[in-house]
């Protein structure tokens, strides 16, 4: 299969409500969980080990800000009507969200996910180099944009990528 890279993702500044919605580790985890499979509030709450009422608050905020989209209702195991939610991918197309705490929320979401998995399931590496930080960030963003633009590999494994660049002093 041949992939043509169309260039950087066009981003727009996040609204205040969008930035506030992304400033929560729980909401970032919900966005990731619903990336390629719709999940009901109950399923999300079970996966996160949280109370369904609390999770519903987060789900509603994500729907209101456009990060989640309700899917057609379905009938659950006990005959109750359930609404599954799917991520819209909006979070990848925004810029300017760090002033509201997204950076800390991203780190907390990553740490919670790693804690669930165990460190033996994480492929880690570390490198300290003298580079132009702006150029490094541009190149890494280009790589991530390329990956985001490609269609999912139906035979591929679902992976999450967390990347941090920080001073090596």
C-alpha atoms as a PDB file:
ATOM      1  CA  UNK A   1       0.000   0.000   0.000  1.00  0.00           C
ATOM      2  CA  UNK A   2       1.349   3.431  -0.915  1.00  0.00           C
ATOM      3  CA  UNK A   3       0.712   6.389   1.376  1.00  0.00           C
ATOM      4  CA  UNK A   4       0.969   9.971   0.175  1.00  0.00           C
ATOM      5  CA  UNK A   5       1.738  12.426   2.933  1.00  0.00           C
ATOM      6  CA  UNK A   6      -0.340  15.562   2.432  1.00  0.00           C
ATOM      7  CA  UNK A   7       1.736  17.754   4.751  1.00  0.00           C
ATOM      8  CA  UNK A   8       1.195  19.029   8.258  1.00  0.00           C
ATOM      9  CA  UNK A   9      -2.200  18.748   9.874  1.00  0.00           C
ATOM     10  CA  UNK A  10      -4.015  22.071   9.724  1.00  0.00           C
ATOM     11  CA  UNK A  11      -4.549  23.135  13.311  1.00  0.00           C
ATOM     12  CA  UNK A  12      -6.682  25.875  14.729  1.00  0.00           C
ATOM     13  CA  UNK A  13      -6.463  27.475  18.150  1.00  0.00           C
ATOM     14  CA  UNK A  14      -8.539  25.720  20.775  1.00  0.00           C
ATOM     15  CA  UNK A  15     -11.472  27.588  22.213  1.00  0.00           C
ATOM     16  CA  UNK A  16     -11.445  28.188  25.952  1.00  0.00           C
ATOM     17  CA  UNK A  17     -14.014  25.404  26.437  1.00  0.00           C
ATOM     18  CA  UNK A  18     -11.979  22.961  24.312  1.00  0.00           C
ATOM     19  CA  UNK A  19      -8.768  23.780  26.181  1.00  0.00           C
ATOM     20  CA  UNK A  20     -10.520  23.316  29.519  1.00  0.00           C
ATOM     21  CA  UNK A  21     -11.934  19.966  28.378  1.00  0.00           C
ATOM     22  CA  UNK A  22      -8.442  18.743  27.464  1.00  0.00           C
ATOM     23  CA  UNK A  23      -7.005  19.798  30.832  1.00  0.00           C
ATOM     24  CA  UNK A  24      -8.199  16.543  32.431  1.00  0.00           C
ATOM     25  CA  UNK A  25      -6.262  13.275  32.453  1.00  0.00           C
ATOM     26  CA  UNK A  26      -9.538  11.342  32.703  1.00  0.00           C
ATOM     27  CA  UNK A  27     -10.976  13.056  29.618  1.00  0.00           C
ATOM     28  CA  UNK A  28      -7.750  12.470  27.656  1.00  0.00           C
ATOM     29  CA  UNK A  29      -7.947   8.789  28.570  1.00  0.00           C
ATOM     30  CA  UNK A  30     -11.593   8.658  27.421  1.00  0.00           C
ATOM     31  CA  UNK A  31     -10.603  10.192  24.074  1.00  0.00           C
ATOM     32  CA  UNK A  32      -7.893   7.544  23.672  1.00  0.00           C
ATOM     33  CA  UNK A  33     -10.168   4.663  24.702  1.00  0.00           C
ATOM     34  CA  UNK A  34     -12.782   5.685  22.129  1.00  0.00           C
ATOM     35  CA  UNK A  35     -10.296   6.378  19.335  1.00  0.00           C
ATOM     36  CA  UNK A  36     -11.294   3.443  17.143  1.00  0.00           C
ATOM     37  CA  UNK A  37     -14.086   1.709  19.013  1.00  0.00           C
ATOM     38  CA  UNK A  38     -17.273   3.176  20.361  1.00  0.00           C
ATOM     39  CA  UNK A  39     -17.824   2.602  24.066  1.00  0.00           C
ATOM     40  CA  UNK A  40     -20.780   3.280  26.338  1.00  0.00           C
ATOM     41  CA  UNK A  41     -20.421   5.330  29.494  1.00  0.00           C
ATOM     42  CA  UNK A  42     -20.665   2.105  31.519  1.00  0.00           C
ATOM     43  CA  UNK A  43     -17.876   0.477  29.495  1.00  0.00           C
ATOM     44  CA  UNK A  44     -15.697   3.572  29.859  1.00  0.00           C
ATOM     45  CA  UNK A  45     -16.305   3.708  33.620  1.00  0.00           C
ATOM     46  CA  UNK A  46     -15.439   0.012  34.003  1.00  0.00           C
ATOM     47  CA  UNK A  47     -12.275   0.392  31.915  1.00  0.00           C
ATOM     48  CA  UNK A  48     -11.140   3.380  33.997  1.00  0.00           C
ATOM     49  CA  UNK A  49     -12.240   1.888  37.325  1.00  0.00           C
ATOM     50  CA  UNK A  50     -14.447   4.912  37.995  1.00  0.00           C
ATOM     51  CA  UNK A  51     -18.009   5.586  39.052  1.00  0.00           C
ATOM     52  CA  UNK A  52     -20.356   5.752  36.014  1.00  0.00           C
ATOM     53  CA  UNK A  53     -21.927   9.021  37.222  1.00  0.00           C
ATOM     54  CA  UNK A  54     -18.539  10.736  37.396  1.00  0.00           C
ATOM     55  CA  UNK A  55     -17.546   9.316  34.044  1.00  0.00           C
ATOM     56  CA  UNK A  56     -20.808  10.552  32.508  1.00  0.00           C
ATOM     57  CA  UNK A  57     -19.905  14.098  33.579  1.00  0.00           C
ATOM     58  CA  UNK A  58     -16.635  13.799  31.619  1.00  0.00           C
ATOM     59  CA  UNK A  59     -18.336  12.161  28.626  1.00  0.00           C
ATOM     60  CA  UNK A  60     -20.928  14.948  28.452  1.00  0.00           C
ATOM     61  CA  UNK A  61     -18.207  17.618  28.553  1.00  0.00           C
ATOM     62  CA  UNK A  62     -16.357  15.859  25.723  1.00  0.00           C
ATOM     63  CA  UNK A  63     -19.548  15.616  23.649  1.00  0.00           C
ATOM     64  CA  UNK A  64     -20.389  19.288  24.292  1.00  0.00           C
ATOM     65  CA  UNK A  65     -16.938  20.379  23.096  1.00  0.00           C
ATOM     66  CA  UNK A  66     -16.866  18.093  20.040  1.00  0.00           C
ATOM     67  CA  UNK A  67     -14.262  15.549  21.184  1.00  0.00           C
ATOM     68  CA  UNK A  68     -16.752  12.667  21.374  1.00  0.00           C
ATOM     69  CA  UNK A  69     -19.688  11.913  19.128  1.00  0.00           C
ATOM     70  CA  UNK A  70     -22.662   9.783  20.203  1.00  0.00           C
ATOM     71  CA  UNK A  71     -23.248   6.784  17.980  1.00  0.00           C
ATOM     72  CA  UNK A  72     -26.624   5.159  17.285  1.00  0.00           C
ATOM     73  CA  UNK A  73     -28.219   3.791  20.443  1.00  0.00           C
ATOM     74  CA  UNK A  74     -28.113   0.047  21.026  1.00  0.00           C
ATOM     75  CA  UNK A  75     -29.790  -2.360  23.400  1.00  0.00           C
ATOM     76  CA  UNK A  76     -27.542  -3.621  26.212  1.00  0.00           C
ATOM     77  CA  UNK A  77     -27.410  -7.022  27.903  1.00  0.00           C
ATOM     78  CA  UNK A  78     -30.311  -6.209  30.241  1.00  0.00           C
ATOM     79  CA  UNK A  79     -32.465  -4.633  27.560  1.00  0.00           C
ATOM     80  CA  UNK A  80     -31.542  -1.049  28.478  1.00  0.00           C
ATOM     81  CA  UNK A  81     -30.889   1.533  25.789  1.00  0.00           C
ATOM     82  CA  UNK A  82     -27.152   2.368  25.636  1.00  0.00           C
ATOM     83  CA  UNK A  83     -25.392   5.115  23.748  1.00  0.00           C
ATOM     84  CA  UNK A  84     -21.833   4.383  22.628  1.00  0.00           C
ATOM     85  CA  UNK A  85     -19.413   7.267  22.056  1.00  0.00           C
ATOM     86  CA  UNK A  86     -16.566   7.572  19.568  1.00  0.00           C
ATOM     87  CA  UNK A  87     -13.675  10.038  19.478  1.00  0.00           C
ATOM     88  CA  UNK A  88     -13.856  12.609  16.670  1.00  0.00           C
ATOM     89  CA  UNK A  89     -10.078  13.110  16.451  1.00  0.00           C
ATOM     90  CA  UNK A  90     -10.524  16.818  17.167  1.00  0.00           C
ATOM     91  CA  UNK A  91      -7.846  16.914  19.862  1.00  0.00           C
ATOM     92  CA  UNK A  92      -5.123  16.270  17.259  1.00  0.00           C
ATOM     93  CA  UNK A  93      -6.283  19.228  15.132  1.00  0.00           C
ATOM     94  CA  UNK A  94      -6.043  21.913  17.840  1.00  0.00           C
ATOM     95  CA  UNK A  95      -3.229  24.165  18.981  1.00  0.00           C
ATOM     96  CA  UNK A  96      -2.678  26.471  21.914  1.00  0.00           C
ATOM     97  CA  UNK A  97      -4.163  24.304  24.655  1.00  0.00           C
ATOM     98  CA  UNK A  98      -1.251  24.132  27.126  1.00  0.00           C
ATOM     99  CA  UNK A  99      -2.075  27.318  29.072  1.00  0.00           C
ATOM    100  CA  UNK A 100      -5.062  25.474  30.563  1.00  0.00           C
ATOM    101  CA  UNK A 101      -3.081  22.498  31.866  1.00  0.00           C
ATOM    102  CA  UNK A 102      -3.171  19.994  28.993  1.00  0.00           C
ATOM    103  CA  UNK A 103       0.543  19.282  29.479  1.00  0.00           C
ATOM    104  CA  UNK A 104       0.065  18.104  33.045  1.00  0.00           C
ATOM    105  CA  UNK A 105      -3.105  16.214  32.086  1.00  0.00           C
ATOM    106  CA  UNK A 106      -1.241  14.412  29.281  1.00  0.00           C
ATOM    107  CA  UNK A 107       1.509  13.348  31.673  1.00  0.00           C
ATOM    108  CA  UNK A 108      -1.000  12.164  34.291  1.00  0.00           C
ATOM    109  CA  UNK A 109      -2.953  10.213  31.651  1.00  0.00           C
ATOM    110  CA  UNK A 110       0.256   8.580  30.433  1.00  0.00           C
ATOM    111  CA  UNK A 111       1.336   7.643  33.968  1.00  0.00           C
ATOM    112  CA  UNK A 112      -2.091   6.127  34.731  1.00  0.00           C
ATOM    113  CA  UNK A 113      -2.017   4.085  31.518  1.00  0.00           C
ATOM    114  CA  UNK A 114       1.529   2.846  32.180  1.00  0.00           C
ATOM    115  CA  UNK A 115       0.581   1.926  35.740  1.00  0.00           C
ATOM    116  CA  UNK A 116      -2.267  -0.227  34.382  1.00  0.00           C
ATOM    117  CA  UNK A 117      -0.021  -1.979  31.881  1.00  0.00           C
ATOM    118  CA  UNK A 118       3.172  -2.396  33.843  1.00  0.00           C
ATOM    119  CA  UNK A 119       6.575  -1.166  32.762  1.00  0.00           C
ATOM    120  CA  UNK A 120       7.436  -4.466  31.074  1.00  0.00           C
ATOM    121  CA  UNK A 121       4.911  -3.645  28.316  1.00  0.00           C
ATOM    122  CA  UNK A 122       6.423  -0.229  27.546  1.00  0.00           C
ATOM    123  CA  UNK A 123       9.157   0.119  24.916  1.00  0.00           C
ATOM    124  CA  UNK A 124      11.240   3.003  26.229  1.00  0.00           C
ATOM    125  CA  UNK A 125      14.353   4.763  25.088  1.00  0.00           C
ATOM    126  CA  UNK A 126      16.235   7.861  26.144  1.00  0.00           C
ATOM    127  CA  UNK A 127      18.713  10.119  24.365  1.00  0.00           C
ATOM    128  CA  UNK A 128      20.412  13.338  25.349  1.00  0.00           C
ATOM    129  CA  UNK A 129      21.803  15.433  22.483  1.00  0.00           C
ATOM    130  CA  UNK A 130      22.606  19.065  21.748  1.00  0.00           C
ATOM    131  CA  UNK A 131      20.101  20.083  19.082  1.00  0.00           C
ATOM    132  CA  UNK A 132      17.938  22.998  18.051  1.00  0.00           C
ATOM    133  CA  UNK A 133      14.793  22.272  20.141  1.00  0.00           C
ATOM    134  CA  UNK A 134      12.488  24.003  17.649  1.00  0.00           C
ATOM    135  CA  UNK A 135      13.821  21.898  14.758  1.00  0.00           C
ATOM    136  CA  UNK A 136      13.556  18.685  16.772  1.00  0.00           C
ATOM    137  CA  UNK A 137       9.956  19.460  17.725  1.00  0.00           C
ATOM    138  CA  UNK A 138       9.130  20.301  14.092  1.00  0.00           C
ATOM    139  CA  UNK A 139      10.566  16.999  12.872  1.00  0.00           C
ATOM    140  CA  UNK A 140       8.802  14.969  15.540  1.00  0.00           C
ATOM    141  CA  UNK A 141       5.498  16.754  14.829  1.00  0.00           C
ATOM    142  CA  UNK A 142       5.955  15.992  11.112  1.00  0.00           C
ATOM    143  CA  UNK A 143       6.437  12.293  11.885  1.00  0.00           C
ATOM    144  CA  UNK A 144       3.367  12.216  14.134  1.00  0.00           C
ATOM    145  CA  UNK A 145       1.310  14.108  11.523  1.00  0.00           C
ATOM    146  CA  UNK A 146       2.364  11.539   8.906  1.00  0.00           C
ATOM    147  CA  UNK A 147       1.252   8.693  11.159  1.00  0.00           C
ATOM    148  CA  UNK A 148      -2.030  10.471  11.931  1.00  0.00           C
ATOM    149  CA  UNK A 149      -2.717  10.992   8.204  1.00  0.00           C
ATOM    150  CA  UNK A 150      -2.234   7.326   7.300  1.00  0.00           C
ATOM    151  CA  UNK A 151      -5.210   4.988   7.392  1.00  0.00           C
ATOM    152  CA  UNK A 152      -5.108   2.455  10.198  1.00  0.00           C
ATOM    153  CA  UNK A 153      -3.507  -0.851   9.276  1.00  0.00           C
ATOM    154  CA  UNK A 154      -6.309  -3.431   9.617  1.00  0.00           C
ATOM    155  CA  UNK A 155      -3.672  -6.019  10.614  1.00  0.00           C
ATOM    156  CA  UNK A 156      -1.813  -3.578  12.868  1.00  0.00           C
ATOM    157  CA  UNK A 157      -1.704  -3.449  16.622  1.00  0.00           C
ATOM    158  CA  UNK A 158      -3.287  -0.541  18.466  1.00  0.00           C
ATOM    159  CA  UNK A 159      -0.528   1.494  20.133  1.00  0.00           C
ATOM    160  CA  UNK A 160      -0.337   4.769  22.003  1.00  0.00           C
ATOM    161  CA  UNK A 161       2.606   7.144  21.672  1.00  0.00           C
ATOM    162  CA  UNK A 162       3.681   9.528  24.400  1.00  0.00           C
ATOM    163  CA  UNK A 163       6.596  11.780  23.596  1.00  0.00           C
ATOM    164  CA  UNK A 164       8.293  14.289  25.868  1.00  0.00           C
ATOM    165  CA  UNK A 165      11.153  16.632  25.025  1.00  0.00           C
ATOM    166  CA  UNK A 166      12.711  18.363  28.009  1.00  0.00           C
ATOM    167  CA  UNK A 167      15.975  20.099  28.976  1.00  0.00           C
ATOM    168  CA  UNK A 168      18.805  17.647  29.601  1.00  0.00           C
ATOM    169  CA  UNK A 169      20.518  19.714  32.291  1.00  0.00           C
END
